Amino acid sequence: MIQAPDKLPLPPSWRPLTTARAQLLLAELRAELRAGHVLHGVPVHAVAEAVADDDVLFRHCNDPVRFTVVHLTYRGQPEPDPRSPAVRVDGSWLEFMAEQRLQC
């Protein structure tokens, strides 16, 4: 397994991010969010991205044991539905890892 920040092991279907890639993904998230989304106004940073799709793992800055997986749309503008971009997981590292095992 690849190591994520703070020595958290990433599943094989995920890859860690360079600083530049993390900044690009965070900017895309911010562009897609609108009021009403679970991450609107929440400080997060991008940790990893899925190899096979547009899912990105974000870690909450003010609650570093909380992670949110978001499926970005790459529209570059706010989504019409405040529930978009879709949240796949919102919880602890263990919840993220459990969800990944269910997908296998």
N, C-alpha and C. Protein backbone atom coordinates (compact mmCIF):
# COMPACT_ATOMS: atom_id res chain seq x y z
N MET A 1 0.83 -1.18 0.00
CA MET A 1 0.00 0.00 0.00
C MET A 1 0.87 1.25 0.00
N ILE A 2 0.37 2.29 -0.62
CA ILE A 2 1.06 3.57 -0.65
C ILE A 2 0.74 4.31 0.64
N GLN A 3 1.65 5.12 1.11
CA GLN A 3 1.42 5.87 2.34
C GLN A 3 0.84 7.25 2.03
N ALA A 4 -0.22 7.58 2.70
CA ALA A 4 -0.82 8.90 2.62
C ALA A 4 -0.19 9.76 3.72
N PRO A 5 -0.53 11.04 3.77
CA PRO A 5 0.01 11.87 4.85
C PRO A 5 -0.26 11.26 6.22
N ASP A 6 0.64 11.52 7.14
CA ASP A 6 0.55 10.99 8.51
C ASP A 6 0.60 9.47 8.55
N LYS A 7 1.22 8.86 7.56
CA LYS A 7 1.43 7.41 7.52
C LYS A 7 0.15 6.59 7.40
N LEU A 8 -0.90 7.17 6.87
CA LEU A 8 -2.13 6.43 6.64
C LEU A 8 -2.00 5.68 5.31
N PRO A 9 -2.20 4.37 5.30
CA PRO A 9 -2.02 3.59 4.08
C PRO A 9 -3.18 3.79 3.10
N LEU A 10 -2.84 4.11 1.88
CA LEU A 10 -3.87 4.26 0.84
C LEU A 10 -4.17 2.91 0.21
N PRO A 11 -5.43 2.68 -0.14
CA PRO A 11 -5.75 1.47 -0.91
C PRO A 11 -5.00 1.52 -2.25
N PRO A 12 -4.76 0.38 -2.89
CA PRO A 12 -4.02 0.35 -4.15
C PRO A 12 -4.67 1.15 -5.27
N SER A 13 -5.98 1.35 -5.19
CA SER A 13 -6.69 2.08 -6.25
C SER A 13 -6.63 3.60 -6.07
N TRP A 14 -5.85 4.07 -5.12
CA TRP A 14 -5.68 5.49 -4.84
C TRP A 14 -4.22 5.88 -4.94
N ARG A 15 -3.96 7.15 -5.28
CA ARG A 15 -2.58 7.63 -5.34
C ARG A 15 -2.46 8.95 -4.58
N PRO A 16 -1.32 9.14 -3.92
CA PRO A 16 -1.09 10.41 -3.21
C PRO A 16 -0.91 11.53 -4.23
N LEU A 17 -1.00 12.76 -3.76
CA LEU A 17 -0.95 13.92 -4.64
C LEU A 17 0.32 14.72 -4.44
N THR A 18 0.80 15.30 -5.52
CA THR A 18 1.84 16.31 -5.39
C THR A 18 1.17 17.57 -4.85
N THR A 19 1.94 18.49 -4.36
CA THR A 19 1.39 19.75 -3.86
C THR A 19 0.63 20.48 -4.96
N ALA A 20 1.19 20.51 -6.16
CA ALA A 20 0.54 21.21 -7.27
C ALA A 20 -0.79 20.55 -7.64
N ARG A 21 -0.82 19.23 -7.70
CA ARG A 21 -2.06 18.52 -8.04
C ARG A 21 -3.11 18.72 -6.94
N ALA A 22 -2.68 18.69 -5.69
CA ALA A 22 -3.61 18.91 -4.57
C ALA A 22 -4.24 20.30 -4.66
N GLN A 23 -3.45 21.29 -5.01
CA GLN A 23 -3.97 22.65 -5.15
C GLN A 23 -4.97 22.75 -6.30
N LEU A 24 -4.69 22.08 -7.41
CA LEU A 24 -5.62 22.08 -8.55
C LEU A 24 -6.95 21.42 -8.19
N LEU A 25 -6.88 20.30 -7.49
CA LEU A 25 -8.10 19.59 -7.12
C LEU A 25 -8.91 20.38 -6.10
N LEU A 26 -8.25 21.05 -5.17
CA LEU A 26 -8.95 21.89 -4.21
C LEU A 26 -9.62 23.06 -4.93
N ALA A 27 -8.93 23.66 -5.88
CA ALA A 27 -9.52 24.77 -6.64
C ALA A 27 -10.75 24.29 -7.42
N GLU A 28 -10.68 23.09 -7.99
CA GLU A 28 -11.84 22.56 -8.72
C GLU A 28 -12.99 22.31 -7.76
N LEU A 29 -12.71 21.74 -6.60
CA LEU A 29 -13.77 21.53 -5.61
C LEU A 29 -14.44 22.86 -5.28
N ARG A 30 -13.65 23.86 -4.97
CA ARG A 30 -14.20 25.18 -4.61
C ARG A 30 -15.03 25.77 -5.75
N ALA A 31 -14.61 25.54 -6.99
CA ALA A 31 -15.37 26.06 -8.14
C ALA A 31 -16.72 25.37 -8.29
N GLU A 32 -16.80 24.10 -7.90
CA GLU A 32 -18.03 23.32 -8.08
C GLU A 32 -19.03 23.48 -6.95
N LEU A 33 -18.57 23.89 -5.76
CA LEU A 33 -19.45 23.94 -4.60
C LEU A 33 -20.38 25.14 -4.63
N ARG A 34 -21.55 24.94 -4.04
CA ARG A 34 -22.49 26.03 -3.82
C ARG A 34 -23.04 25.88 -2.41
N ALA A 35 -23.69 26.92 -1.92
CA ALA A 35 -24.27 26.88 -0.58
C ALA A 35 -25.18 25.67 -0.46
N GLY A 36 -25.11 24.98 0.65
CA GLY A 36 -25.92 23.80 0.89
C GLY A 36 -25.14 22.50 0.78
N HIS A 37 -23.98 22.55 0.15
CA HIS A 37 -23.14 21.34 0.05
C HIS A 37 -22.42 21.13 1.37
N VAL A 38 -22.22 19.88 1.74
CA VAL A 38 -21.58 19.53 3.01
C VAL A 38 -20.19 20.15 3.17
N LEU A 39 -19.49 20.42 2.07
CA LEU A 39 -18.15 21.00 2.15
C LEU A 39 -18.12 22.51 1.86
N HIS A 40 -19.25 23.11 1.60
CA HIS A 40 -19.27 24.55 1.29
C HIS A 40 -18.78 25.32 2.52
N GLY A 41 -17.71 26.09 2.34
CA GLY A 41 -17.15 26.89 3.42
C GLY A 41 -16.32 26.13 4.43
N VAL A 42 -16.10 24.84 4.20
CA VAL A 42 -15.33 24.01 5.13
C VAL A 42 -13.88 23.94 4.65
N PRO A 43 -12.92 24.28 5.51
CA PRO A 43 -11.52 24.18 5.09
C PRO A 43 -11.06 22.72 5.02
N VAL A 44 -10.65 22.32 3.84
CA VAL A 44 -10.15 20.96 3.60
C VAL A 44 -8.90 21.05 2.73
N HIS A 45 -8.17 19.95 2.67
CA HIS A 45 -7.08 19.85 1.71
C HIS A 45 -7.15 18.48 1.04
N ALA A 46 -6.74 18.44 -0.21
CA ALA A 46 -6.76 17.21 -0.99
C ALA A 46 -5.61 16.31 -0.55
N VAL A 47 -5.93 15.03 -0.36
CA VAL A 47 -4.95 14.07 0.14
C VAL A 47 -4.57 13.06 -0.95
N ALA A 48 -5.57 12.57 -1.69
CA ALA A 48 -5.32 11.51 -2.68
C ALA A 48 -6.43 11.54 -3.72
N GLU A 49 -6.17 10.86 -4.83
CA GLU A 49 -7.20 10.72 -5.86
C GLU A 49 -7.27 9.27 -6.30
N ALA A 50 -8.47 8.87 -6.68
CA ALA A 50 -8.67 7.51 -7.17
C ALA A 50 -8.04 7.40 -8.55
N VAL A 51 -7.47 6.25 -8.82
CA VAL A 51 -6.80 6.02 -10.10
C VAL A 51 -7.81 5.88 -11.23
N ALA A 52 -8.95 5.24 -10.96
CA ALA A 52 -9.88 4.87 -12.04
C ALA A 52 -11.01 5.87 -12.29
N ASP A 53 -11.22 6.83 -11.39
CA ASP A 53 -12.33 7.76 -11.63
C ASP A 53 -11.99 9.14 -11.08
N ASP A 54 -12.97 9.99 -10.93
CA ASP A 54 -12.74 11.37 -10.52
C ASP A 54 -12.98 11.60 -9.03
N ASP A 55 -12.84 10.57 -8.22
CA ASP A 55 -12.99 10.70 -6.78
C ASP A 55 -11.72 11.28 -6.17
N VAL A 56 -11.91 12.19 -5.24
CA VAL A 56 -10.80 12.82 -4.54
C VAL A 56 -11.05 12.72 -3.03
N LEU A 57 -10.02 12.38 -2.30
CA LEU A 57 -10.09 12.28 -0.85
C LEU A 57 -9.61 13.59 -0.25
N PHE A 58 -10.49 14.22 0.53
CA PHE A 58 -10.16 15.48 1.21
C PHE A 58 -10.12 15.23 2.72
N ARG A 59 -9.17 15.88 3.37
CA ARG A 59 -9.07 15.82 4.83
C ARG A 59 -9.48 17.18 5.38
N HIS A 60 -10.29 17.16 6.42
CA HIS A 60 -10.78 18.39 7.04
C HIS A 60 -9.67 19.03 7.87
N CYS A 61 -9.42 20.31 7.64
CA CYS A 61 -8.35 21.01 8.35
C CYS A 61 -8.68 21.21 9.83
N ASN A 62 -9.94 21.51 10.15
CA ASN A 62 -10.32 21.77 11.54
C ASN A 62 -10.73 20.51 12.29
N ASP A 63 -10.79 19.40 11.60
CA ASP A 63 -11.16 18.11 12.19
C ASP A 63 -10.36 17.04 11.45
N PRO A 64 -9.04 16.95 11.70
CA PRO A 64 -8.16 16.11 10.88
C PRO A 64 -8.42 14.61 10.93
N VAL A 65 -9.35 14.15 11.76
CA VAL A 65 -9.71 12.74 11.73
C VAL A 65 -10.92 12.50 10.81
N ARG A 66 -11.40 13.55 10.16
CA ARG A 66 -12.54 13.44 9.25
C ARG A 66 -12.06 13.59 7.80
N PHE A 67 -12.57 12.69 6.97
CA PHE A 67 -12.22 12.65 5.55
C PHE A 67 -13.51 12.63 4.72
N THR A 68 -13.46 13.25 3.57
CA THR A 68 -14.61 13.25 2.67
C THR A 68 -14.12 12.90 1.27
N VAL A 69 -14.78 11.92 0.65
CA VAL A 69 -14.50 11.56 -0.73
C VAL A 69 -15.56 12.22 -1.60
N VAL A 70 -15.11 12.98 -2.58
CA VAL A 70 -16.01 13.71 -3.47
C VAL A 70 -15.72 13.28 -4.90
N HIS A 71 -16.79 13.11 -5.67
CA HIS A 71 -16.67 12.80 -7.10
C HIS A 71 -16.77 14.12 -7.87
N LEU A 72 -15.63 14.68 -8.26
CA LEU A 72 -15.61 15.95 -8.98
C LEU A 72 -16.17 15.79 -10.38
N THR A 73 -16.78 16.86 -10.89
CA THR A 73 -17.37 16.82 -12.24
C THR A 73 -16.51 17.54 -13.27
N TYR A 74 -15.60 18.38 -12.82
CA TYR A 74 -14.71 19.17 -13.69
C TYR A 74 -15.49 20.10 -14.60
N ARG A 75 -16.59 20.65 -14.09
CA ARG A 75 -17.34 21.67 -14.83
C ARG A 75 -16.69 23.03 -14.68
N GLY A 76 -15.93 23.24 -13.60
CA GLY A 76 -15.28 24.52 -13.38
C GLY A 76 -16.23 25.62 -12.94
N GLN A 77 -17.43 25.25 -12.55
CA GLN A 77 -18.42 26.21 -12.09
C GLN A 77 -19.34 25.52 -11.09
N PRO A 78 -20.12 26.31 -10.33
CA PRO A 78 -20.99 25.67 -9.34
C PRO A 78 -21.98 24.71 -9.98
N GLU A 79 -22.18 23.61 -9.31
CA GLU A 79 -23.15 22.61 -9.77
C GLU A 79 -24.57 23.15 -9.53
N PRO A 80 -25.52 22.82 -10.42
CA PRO A 80 -26.89 23.28 -10.23
C PRO A 80 -27.52 22.74 -8.95
N ASP A 81 -27.19 21.52 -8.58
CA ASP A 81 -27.73 20.87 -7.40
C ASP A 81 -26.76 21.06 -6.23
N PRO A 82 -27.19 21.63 -5.10
CA PRO A 82 -26.26 21.84 -4.00
C PRO A 82 -25.71 20.56 -3.40
N ARG A 83 -26.27 19.41 -3.74
CA ARG A 83 -25.73 18.13 -3.26
C ARG A 83 -24.57 17.65 -4.13
N SER A 84 -24.33 18.33 -5.23
CA SER A 84 -23.23 17.98 -6.13
C SER A 84 -22.08 18.95 -5.89
N PRO A 85 -20.85 18.51 -6.06
CA PRO A 85 -20.44 17.18 -6.45
C PRO A 85 -20.77 16.14 -5.38
N ALA A 86 -21.02 14.92 -5.87
CA ALA A 86 -21.48 13.83 -5.01
C ALA A 86 -20.43 13.48 -3.95
N VAL A 87 -20.91 13.26 -2.73
CA VAL A 87 -20.06 12.81 -1.63
C VAL A 87 -20.21 11.30 -1.53
N ARG A 88 -19.09 10.60 -1.62
CA ARG A 88 -19.10 9.13 -1.54
C ARG A 88 -18.94 8.64 -0.10
N VAL A 89 -18.09 9.33 0.66
CA VAL A 89 -17.81 8.98 2.05
C VAL A 89 -17.60 10.29 2.80
N ASP A 90 -18.09 10.35 4.03
CA ASP A 90 -17.83 11.50 4.89
C ASP A 90 -17.73 10.97 6.31
N GLY A 91 -16.50 10.79 6.77
CA GLY A 91 -16.33 10.21 8.10
C GLY A 91 -14.86 10.01 8.43
N SER A 92 -14.60 9.00 9.21
CA SER A 92 -13.24 8.71 9.67
C SER A 92 -12.43 7.98 8.59
N TRP A 93 -11.14 7.85 8.88
CA TRP A 93 -10.26 7.08 7.99
C TRP A 93 -10.75 5.63 7.91
N LEU A 94 -11.16 5.08 9.02
CA LEU A 94 -11.65 3.70 9.04
C LEU A 94 -12.92 3.55 8.20
N GLU A 95 -13.78 4.54 8.21
CA GLU A 95 -14.98 4.49 7.37
C GLU A 95 -14.61 4.56 5.89
N PHE A 96 -13.63 5.39 5.57
CA PHE A 96 -13.14 5.46 4.18
C PHE A 96 -12.59 4.10 3.75
N MET A 97 -11.75 3.50 4.59
CA MET A 97 -11.15 2.22 4.25
C MET A 97 -12.22 1.12 4.15
N ALA A 98 -13.21 1.13 5.03
CA ALA A 98 -14.29 0.14 4.97
C ALA A 98 -15.08 0.28 3.68
N GLU A 99 -15.34 1.49 3.25
CA GLU A 99 -16.07 1.72 2.00
C GLU A 99 -15.24 1.22 0.81
N GLN A 100 -13.94 1.38 0.88
CA GLN A 100 -13.08 0.90 -0.20
C GLN A 100 -13.10 -0.62 -0.28
N ARG A 101 -13.11 -1.28 0.86
CA ARG A 101 -13.19 -2.76 0.86
C ARG A 101 -14.50 -3.23 0.27
N LEU A 102 -15.59 -2.51 0.49
CA LEU A 102 -16.89 -2.89 -0.06
C LEU A 102 -16.91 -2.79 -1.58
N GLN A 103 -16.10 -1.89 -2.14
CA GLN A 103 -16.07 -1.70 -3.60
C GLN A 103 -15.29 -2.80 -4.30
N CYS A 104 -14.47 -3.52 -3.59
CA CYS A 104 -13.63 -4.57 -4.22
C CYS A 104 -14.43 -5.80 -4.58
